[in-house]
Amino acid sequence: MAAETLNYSNIPVAPFAENVATLVKEGETAETLLENLKTLLGKYRMMEVSLKNKLERFTGLQTELNSSYSAVEQLSKSSELGYDFELGDTLYAKAKILAGARTVGLWLGAGIMVEYSLAEAKEFLNTKRDERKEEIRKTIHDLDYIRKQITTMEVVIARLFNHIVDRQKQ
């Protein structure tokens, strides 16, 4: 696969031709092709929105993982911790974590909590952070790719529209 067509989400390459008349297939009108290209452009824009949402979700998860990792790191360093945590919108409670904590519970999702030793928790969170960083990198790459495809589609649509107008003038 060429470097310019590489993407992780299997996004198709936008059609492009120097001469837009060559894009019109036999038995197809330029107007039909124009409508098909506009539909394809709409699909590319939907993919872009989907990728933006995915990036936002992954970024939020990365923030949570970093926060959890910091908490586990703090637990392994400190002798005693005081913490204010939110019970409700304006209701807070104080908690004290005594020295000698050897384990920590991590929420994995879907109402599942697993107890890990501090070292295992750090290793688990580090692995998840690395995975999330890679997913964010791939999503940013795909977002750049889809934006290029959208630009290509907009150019092709404009050129085809101009071709239709020129043909109608003759």
Protein backbone atom coordinates (compact mmCIF):
# COMPACT_ATOMS: atom_id res chain seq x y z
CA MET A 1 0.00 0.00 0.00
CA ALA A 2 1.39 3.42 -0.88
CA ALA A 3 2.19 5.78 1.96
CA GLU A 4 -0.45 8.27 0.85
CA THR A 5 -3.21 5.62 0.88
CA LEU A 6 -2.26 4.02 4.21
CA ASN A 7 -4.95 4.33 6.84
CA TYR A 8 -5.98 2.16 9.75
CA SER A 9 -9.75 2.37 9.28
CA ASN A 10 -9.81 1.06 5.69
CA ILE A 11 -11.10 4.36 4.35
CA PRO A 12 -11.40 4.17 0.55
CA VAL A 13 -9.34 6.50 -1.63
CA ALA A 14 -11.32 9.35 -3.17
CA PRO A 15 -11.54 9.10 -6.97
CA PHE A 16 -9.48 11.66 -8.85
CA ALA A 17 -8.70 12.25 -12.51
CA GLU A 18 -6.99 15.11 -14.30
CA ASN A 19 -9.78 15.06 -16.87
CA VAL A 20 -13.12 14.74 -15.08
CA ALA A 21 -14.76 13.50 -18.27
CA THR A 22 -12.79 10.25 -17.82
CA LEU A 23 -14.61 9.64 -14.51
CA VAL A 24 -17.95 9.40 -16.30
CA LYS A 25 -18.56 5.72 -17.02
CA GLU A 26 -20.32 4.37 -20.06
CA GLY A 27 -24.09 4.63 -19.70
CA GLU A 28 -23.77 7.20 -16.91
CA THR A 29 -24.38 10.93 -17.16
CA ALA A 30 -22.17 13.56 -15.59
CA GLU A 31 -25.15 14.64 -13.48
CA THR A 32 -25.56 11.11 -12.11
CA LEU A 33 -21.85 10.97 -11.33
CA LEU A 34 -22.12 14.34 -9.59
CA GLU A 35 -24.90 13.02 -7.33
CA ASN A 36 -22.89 9.85 -6.61
CA LEU A 37 -19.83 11.92 -5.70
CA LYS A 38 -21.90 14.13 -3.41
CA THR A 39 -23.20 11.00 -1.68
CA LEU A 40 -19.65 9.72 -1.28
CA LEU A 41 -18.59 13.11 0.11
CA GLY A 42 -21.39 12.83 2.68
CA LYS A 43 -20.08 9.40 3.69
CA TYR A 44 -16.57 10.80 4.10
CA ARG A 45 -17.94 13.57 6.32
CA MET A 46 -19.79 10.99 8.44
CA MET A 47 -16.53 9.04 8.79
CA GLU A 48 -14.79 12.25 9.86
CA VAL A 49 -17.39 12.90 12.57
CA SER A 50 -17.09 9.29 13.72
CA LEU A 51 -13.30 9.59 13.94
CA LYS A 52 -13.56 12.88 15.85
CA ASN A 53 -15.90 11.22 18.37
CA LYS A 54 -13.55 8.25 18.65
CA LEU A 55 -10.60 10.58 19.28
CA GLU A 56 -12.54 12.46 21.94
CA ARG A 57 -13.50 9.20 23.66
CA PHE A 58 -9.92 7.88 23.57
CA THR A 59 -8.55 11.17 24.88
CA GLY A 60 -11.00 11.03 27.79
CA LEU A 61 -9.99 7.44 28.55
CA GLN A 62 -6.33 8.44 28.41
CA THR A 63 -6.98 11.17 30.96
CA GLU A 64 -8.72 8.68 33.27
CA LEU A 65 -5.85 6.20 32.91
CA ASN A 66 -3.29 8.91 33.72
CA SER A 67 -5.29 9.92 36.78
CA SER A 68 -5.56 6.31 37.96
CA TYR A 69 -1.85 5.75 37.40
CA SER A 70 -1.02 8.88 39.42
CA ALA A 71 -3.24 7.65 42.25
CA VAL A 72 -1.57 4.23 42.31
CA GLU A 73 1.85 5.87 42.20
CA GLN A 74 0.89 8.13 45.11
CA LEU A 75 -0.32 5.10 47.08
CA SER A 76 3.00 3.33 46.61
CA LYS A 77 5.02 6.40 47.70
CA SER A 78 3.09 7.82 50.64
CA SER A 79 2.71 6.59 54.14
CA GLU A 80 -0.72 8.08 54.74
CA LEU A 81 -3.06 9.99 52.43
CA GLY A 82 -5.99 12.27 53.11
CA TYR A 83 -8.57 12.69 50.39
CA ASP A 84 -11.82 14.61 49.85
CA PHE A 85 -14.13 12.81 47.47
CA GLU A 86 -17.43 13.88 45.98
CA LEU A 87 -20.57 12.04 47.06
CA GLY A 88 -22.96 14.37 45.26
CA ASP A 89 -23.07 17.76 43.56
CA THR A 90 -22.24 19.70 46.72
CA LEU A 91 -21.57 16.88 49.18
CA TYR A 92 -18.03 15.77 49.96
CA ALA A 93 -16.58 13.27 52.42
CA LYS A 94 -13.11 12.93 53.86
CA ALA A 95 -11.19 9.70 53.59
CA LYS A 96 -7.88 8.61 55.03
CA ILE A 97 -5.81 5.90 53.40
CA LEU A 98 -3.57 4.32 55.97
CA ALA A 99 0.05 3.42 55.40
CA GLY A 100 0.85 -0.04 54.18
CA ALA A 101 -1.72 -0.34 51.42
CA ARG A 102 -0.54 -3.29 49.34
CA THR A 103 -3.48 -3.65 46.96
CA VAL A 104 -5.76 -1.40 44.97
CA GLY A 105 -9.09 -2.00 43.24
CA LEU A 106 -9.39 -0.93 39.61
CA TRP A 107 -12.70 -0.53 37.80
CA LEU A 108 -12.49 -2.35 34.49
CA GLY A 109 -15.94 -1.29 33.32
CA ALA A 110 -19.37 -2.92 33.21
CA GLY A 111 -19.49 -2.90 37.01
CA ILE A 112 -16.36 -5.05 37.36
CA MET A 113 -13.65 -4.21 39.87
CA VAL A 114 -10.45 -6.22 40.15
CA GLU A 115 -8.02 -6.07 43.04
CA TYR A 116 -4.37 -5.79 42.04
CA SER A 117 -1.14 -5.43 43.94
CA LEU A 118 0.32 -1.95 43.50
CA ALA A 119 3.01 -3.24 41.12
CA GLU A 120 0.48 -5.19 39.03
CA ALA A 121 -1.83 -2.16 38.92
CA LYS A 122 1.01 0.06 37.67
CA GLU A 123 1.93 -2.49 35.02
CA PHE A 124 -1.70 -2.92 33.94
CA LEU A 125 -2.31 0.83 33.76
CA ASN A 126 0.95 1.40 31.87
CA THR A 127 -0.06 -1.23 29.31
CA LYS A 128 -3.49 0.36 28.88
CA ARG A 129 -1.97 3.85 28.59
CA ASP A 130 0.40 2.64 25.85
CA GLU A 131 -2.47 0.96 23.99
CA ARG A 132 -4.56 4.13 24.23
CA LYS A 133 -1.66 6.31 23.00
CA GLU A 134 -1.32 4.05 19.96
CA GLU A 135 -5.08 4.20 19.29
CA ILE A 136 -4.99 8.01 19.56
CA ARG A 137 -2.03 8.15 17.15
CA LYS A 138 -3.84 5.94 14.62
CA THR A 139 -7.06 7.92 14.94
CA ILE A 140 -5.25 11.24 14.39
CA HIS A 141 -3.57 9.71 11.33
CA ASP A 142 -6.93 8.54 9.96
CA LEU A 143 -8.47 11.96 10.66
CA ASP A 144 -5.72 13.62 8.62
CA TYR A 145 -6.25 11.06 5.87
CA ILE A 146 -10.04 11.54 5.75
CA ARG A 147 -9.62 15.32 5.62
CA LYS A 148 -7.38 14.92 2.56
CA GLN A 149 -9.97 12.65 0.96
CA ILE A 150 -12.71 15.21 1.67
CA THR A 151 -10.61 17.95 0.05
CA THR A 152 -10.00 15.73 -2.97
CA MET A 153 -13.74 15.00 -3.25
CA GLU A 154 -14.61 18.70 -3.03
CA VAL A 155 -12.12 19.48 -5.81
CA VAL A 156 -13.45 16.68 -8.03
CA ILE A 157 -17.05 17.77 -7.44
CA ALA A 158 -16.20 21.39 -8.29
CA ARG A 159 -14.34 20.34 -11.44
CA LEU A 160 -17.18 18.05 -12.51
CA PHE A 161 -19.72 20.81 -11.90
CA ASN A 162 -17.62 23.16 -14.06
CA HIS A 163 -17.43 20.45 -16.72
CA ILE A 164 -21.24 20.13 -16.72
CA VAL A 165 -21.65 23.92 -17.01
CA ASP A 166 -19.11 24.11 -19.86
CA ARG A 167 -20.85 21.25 -21.66
CA GLN A 168 -24.24 22.97 -21.30
CA LYS A 169 -22.82 26.21 -22.77
CA GLN A 170 -21.81 24.39 -25.96
